[in-house]
Amino acid sequence: MATVYSIQKTKWDQNVPSQKIDTTELAGRVRVAHAEYEAASLASGDVIQMFNLPNGARIISGRLAHDALGSSTTLSVGYAAHTNAAGTAVSLSAAAYKAAAASTSATGKCC
């Protein structure tokens, strides 16, 4: 049986001399983005944009809460078309984080 190490563990105590681990890999900062939108009435296909994330941000978790929206309604969570930190164009993905799901009854599930 062998012992193997992640890239970060190798940097920390297997390399001589040890290497610095990037802040985003260990002991990084956690910041919270919070957004709220109270909709009275929206048409089919409407989009609600909630907030911008900085380059390099990682989503740890999310929550989508809504009232009972009636029959034949669905909600999804994704992102708009954008250019990433590397300068590459990223296409819209309306269901990247939560696929379209029925919203006929109230919920506060994580996505």
C-alpha atoms as a PDB file:
ATOM      1  CA  MET A   1       0.000   0.000   0.000  1.00  0.00           C
ATOM      2  CA  ALA A   2       1.443   3.375  -1.041  1.00  0.00           C
ATOM      3  CA  THR A   3       1.034   6.877   0.302  1.00  0.00           C
ATOM      4  CA  VAL A   4       0.311   9.520  -2.305  1.00  0.00           C
ATOM      5  CA  TYR A   5       0.036  13.288  -1.903  1.00  0.00           C
ATOM      6  CA  SER A   6      -2.072  16.019  -3.428  1.00  0.00           C
ATOM      7  CA  ILE A   7      -0.262  18.793  -5.262  1.00  0.00           C
ATOM      8  CA  GLN A   8      -0.826  21.091  -2.278  1.00  0.00           C
ATOM      9  CA  LYS A   9       0.430  18.554   0.286  1.00  0.00           C
ATOM     10  CA  THR A  10       3.507  17.945  -1.859  1.00  0.00           C
ATOM     11  CA  LYS A  11       4.253  21.672  -1.980  1.00  0.00           C
ATOM     12  CA  TRP A  12       3.755  21.936   1.798  1.00  0.00           C
ATOM     13  CA  ASP A  13       6.005  19.183   3.133  1.00  0.00           C
ATOM     14  CA  GLN A  14       7.336  16.870   0.438  1.00  0.00           C
ATOM     15  CA  ASN A  15       9.341  19.299  -1.698  1.00  0.00           C
ATOM     16  CA  VAL A  16      12.709  20.568  -0.481  1.00  0.00           C
ATOM     17  CA  PRO A  17      12.585  23.470  -0.071  1.00  0.00           C
ATOM     18  CA  SER A  18       8.844  23.646   0.549  1.00  0.00           C
ATOM     19  CA  GLN A  19       6.778  25.781  -1.818  1.00  0.00           C
ATOM     20  CA  LYS A  20       4.222  28.458  -1.100  1.00  0.00           C
ATOM     21  CA  ILE A  21       0.623  27.312  -1.457  1.00  0.00           C
ATOM     22  CA  ASP A  22      -1.631  29.814  -3.220  1.00  0.00           C
ATOM     23  CA  THR A  23      -4.102  31.670  -1.010  1.00  0.00           C
ATOM     24  CA  THR A  24      -6.955  30.245  -3.069  1.00  0.00           C
ATOM     25  CA  GLU A  25      -5.795  26.719  -2.214  1.00  0.00           C
ATOM     26  CA  LEU A  26      -5.314  27.022   1.551  1.00  0.00           C
ATOM     27  CA  ALA A  27      -6.367  29.598   4.132  1.00  0.00           C
ATOM     28  CA  GLY A  28      -8.104  31.666   1.478  1.00  0.00           C
ATOM     29  CA  ARG A  29     -10.821  34.187   2.124  1.00  0.00           C
ATOM     30  CA  VAL A  30     -14.490  33.325   2.012  1.00  0.00           C
ATOM     31  CA  ARG A  31     -16.776  36.113   0.927  1.00  0.00           C
ATOM     32  CA  VAL A  32     -20.536  35.978   0.770  1.00  0.00           C
ATOM     33  CA  ALA A  33     -22.570  37.329  -2.111  1.00  0.00           C
ATOM     34  CA  HIS A  34     -26.185  37.845  -1.139  1.00  0.00           C
ATOM     35  CA  ALA A  35     -28.931  38.994  -3.477  1.00  0.00           C
ATOM     36  CA  GLU A  36     -32.693  39.140  -3.178  1.00  0.00           C
ATOM     37  CA  TYR A  37     -35.378  39.810  -5.763  1.00  0.00           C
ATOM     38  CA  GLU A  38     -39.076  39.940  -4.959  1.00  0.00           C
ATOM     39  CA  ALA A  39     -41.056  39.323  -8.130  1.00  0.00           C
ATOM     40  CA  ALA A  40     -44.723  40.193  -8.395  1.00  0.00           C
ATOM     41  CA  SER A  41     -45.155  38.929 -11.952  1.00  0.00           C
ATOM     42  CA  LEU A  42     -42.715  37.839 -14.633  1.00  0.00           C
ATOM     43  CA  ALA A  43     -43.265  36.517 -18.125  1.00  0.00           C
ATOM     44  CA  SER A  44     -42.056  33.141 -19.357  1.00  0.00           C
ATOM     45  CA  GLY A  45     -38.360  33.240 -20.183  1.00  0.00           C
ATOM     46  CA  ASP A  46     -37.609  36.323 -18.059  1.00  0.00           C
ATOM     47  CA  VAL A  47     -34.139  36.431 -16.503  1.00  0.00           C
ATOM     48  CA  ILE A  48     -33.227  37.797 -13.075  1.00  0.00           C
ATOM     49  CA  GLN A  49     -29.563  38.784 -12.769  1.00  0.00           C
ATOM     50  CA  MET A  50     -28.488  38.653  -9.130  1.00  0.00           C
ATOM     51  CA  PHE A  51     -24.798  39.671  -8.771  1.00  0.00           C
ATOM     52  CA  ASN A  52     -21.341  39.569 -10.355  1.00  0.00           C
ATOM     53  CA  LEU A  53     -18.618  37.281  -9.069  1.00  0.00           C
ATOM     54  CA  PRO A  54     -14.971  38.356  -9.245  1.00  0.00           C
ATOM     55  CA  ASN A  55     -12.514  36.478 -11.454  1.00  0.00           C
ATOM     56  CA  GLY A  56     -11.315  33.295  -9.776  1.00  0.00           C
ATOM     57  CA  ALA A  57     -14.305  33.076  -7.419  1.00  0.00           C
ATOM     58  CA  ARG A  58     -15.650  29.657  -6.540  1.00  0.00           C
ATOM     59  CA  ILE A  59     -19.223  28.985  -5.540  1.00  0.00           C
ATOM     60  CA  ILE A  60     -19.354  26.972  -2.339  1.00  0.00           C
ATOM     61  CA  SER A  61     -23.117  26.722  -2.043  1.00  0.00           C
ATOM     62  CA  GLY A  62     -26.291  28.544  -2.927  1.00  0.00           C
ATOM     63  CA  ARG A  63     -29.932  28.777  -1.975  1.00  0.00           C
ATOM     64  CA  LEU A  64     -32.982  29.448  -4.106  1.00  0.00           C
ATOM     65  CA  ALA A  65     -36.151  30.197  -2.156  1.00  0.00           C
ATOM     66  CA  HIS A  66     -39.533  30.983  -3.690  1.00  0.00           C
ATOM     67  CA  ASP A  67     -43.230  31.086  -3.014  1.00  0.00           C
ATOM     68  CA  ALA A  68     -45.662  28.715  -4.714  1.00  0.00           C
ATOM     69  CA  LEU A  69     -45.577  30.035  -8.274  1.00  0.00           C
ATOM     70  CA  GLY A  70     -48.437  28.042  -9.736  1.00  0.00           C
ATOM     71  CA  SER A  71     -48.733  25.324 -12.330  1.00  0.00           C
ATOM     72  CA  SER A  72     -46.459  25.060 -15.342  1.00  0.00           C
ATOM     73  CA  THR A  73     -43.670  27.151 -13.761  1.00  0.00           C
ATOM     74  CA  THR A  74     -40.016  26.223 -13.470  1.00  0.00           C
ATOM     75  CA  LEU A  75     -36.866  27.879 -12.145  1.00  0.00           C
ATOM     76  CA  SER A  76     -33.226  27.273 -12.973  1.00  0.00           C
ATOM     77  CA  VAL A  77     -29.939  28.819 -11.806  1.00  0.00           C
ATOM     78  CA  GLY A  78     -27.033  29.511 -14.131  1.00  0.00           C
ATOM     79  CA  TYR A  79     -24.882  32.283 -15.501  1.00  0.00           C
ATOM     80  CA  ALA A  80     -24.919  34.833 -18.306  1.00  0.00           C
ATOM     81  CA  ALA A  81     -22.496  34.863 -21.203  1.00  0.00           C
ATOM     82  CA  HIS A  82     -19.233  36.410 -20.050  1.00  0.00           C
ATOM     83  CA  THR A  83     -15.486  36.558 -20.584  1.00  0.00           C
ATOM     84  CA  ASN A  84     -13.476  34.637 -17.992  1.00  0.00           C
ATOM     85  CA  ALA A  85     -10.205  35.697 -16.346  1.00  0.00           C
ATOM     86  CA  ALA A  86      -8.205  34.064 -19.145  1.00  0.00           C
ATOM     87  CA  GLY A  87     -10.006  36.204 -21.731  1.00  0.00           C
ATOM     88  CA  THR A  88     -12.026  33.318 -23.130  1.00  0.00           C
ATOM     89  CA  ALA A  89     -15.672  33.860 -24.057  1.00  0.00           C
ATOM     90  CA  VAL A  90     -18.018  31.667 -22.008  1.00  0.00           C
ATOM     91  CA  SER A  91     -21.497  30.967 -23.384  1.00  0.00           C
ATOM     92  CA  LEU A  92     -24.669  31.473 -21.370  1.00  0.00           C
ATOM     93  CA  SER A  93     -25.779  28.464 -19.329  1.00  0.00           C
ATOM     94  CA  ALA A  94     -29.154  29.110 -17.708  1.00  0.00           C
ATOM     95  CA  ALA A  95     -29.100  25.794 -15.821  1.00  0.00           C
ATOM     96  CA  ALA A  96     -25.405  25.436 -14.930  1.00  0.00           C
ATOM     97  CA  TYR A  97     -26.010  25.207 -11.165  1.00  0.00           C
ATOM     98  CA  LYS A  98     -29.642  24.096 -10.947  1.00  0.00           C
ATOM     99  CA  ALA A  99     -31.558  22.472 -13.770  1.00  0.00           C
ATOM    100  CA  ALA A 100     -35.067  23.742 -14.480  1.00  0.00           C
ATOM    101  CA  ALA A 101     -37.321  22.353 -11.757  1.00  0.00           C
ATOM    102  CA  ALA A 102     -41.004  22.769 -10.944  1.00  0.00           C
ATOM    103  CA  SER A 103     -41.804  25.760  -8.746  1.00  0.00           C
ATOM    104  CA  THR A 104     -45.444  24.995  -8.052  1.00  0.00           C
ATOM    105  CA  SER A 105     -44.945  24.849  -4.271  1.00  0.00           C
ATOM    106  CA  ALA A 106     -42.907  27.063  -1.944  1.00  0.00           C
ATOM    107  CA  THR A 107     -39.375  25.925  -1.114  1.00  0.00           C
ATOM    108  CA  GLY A 108     -36.001  27.063   0.127  1.00  0.00           C
ATOM    109  CA  LYS A 109     -33.750  24.289  -1.190  1.00  0.00           C
ATOM    110  CA  CYS A 110     -30.057  24.614  -1.743  1.00  0.00           C
ATOM    111  CA  CYS A 111     -28.767  24.315  -5.277  1.00  0.00           C
END
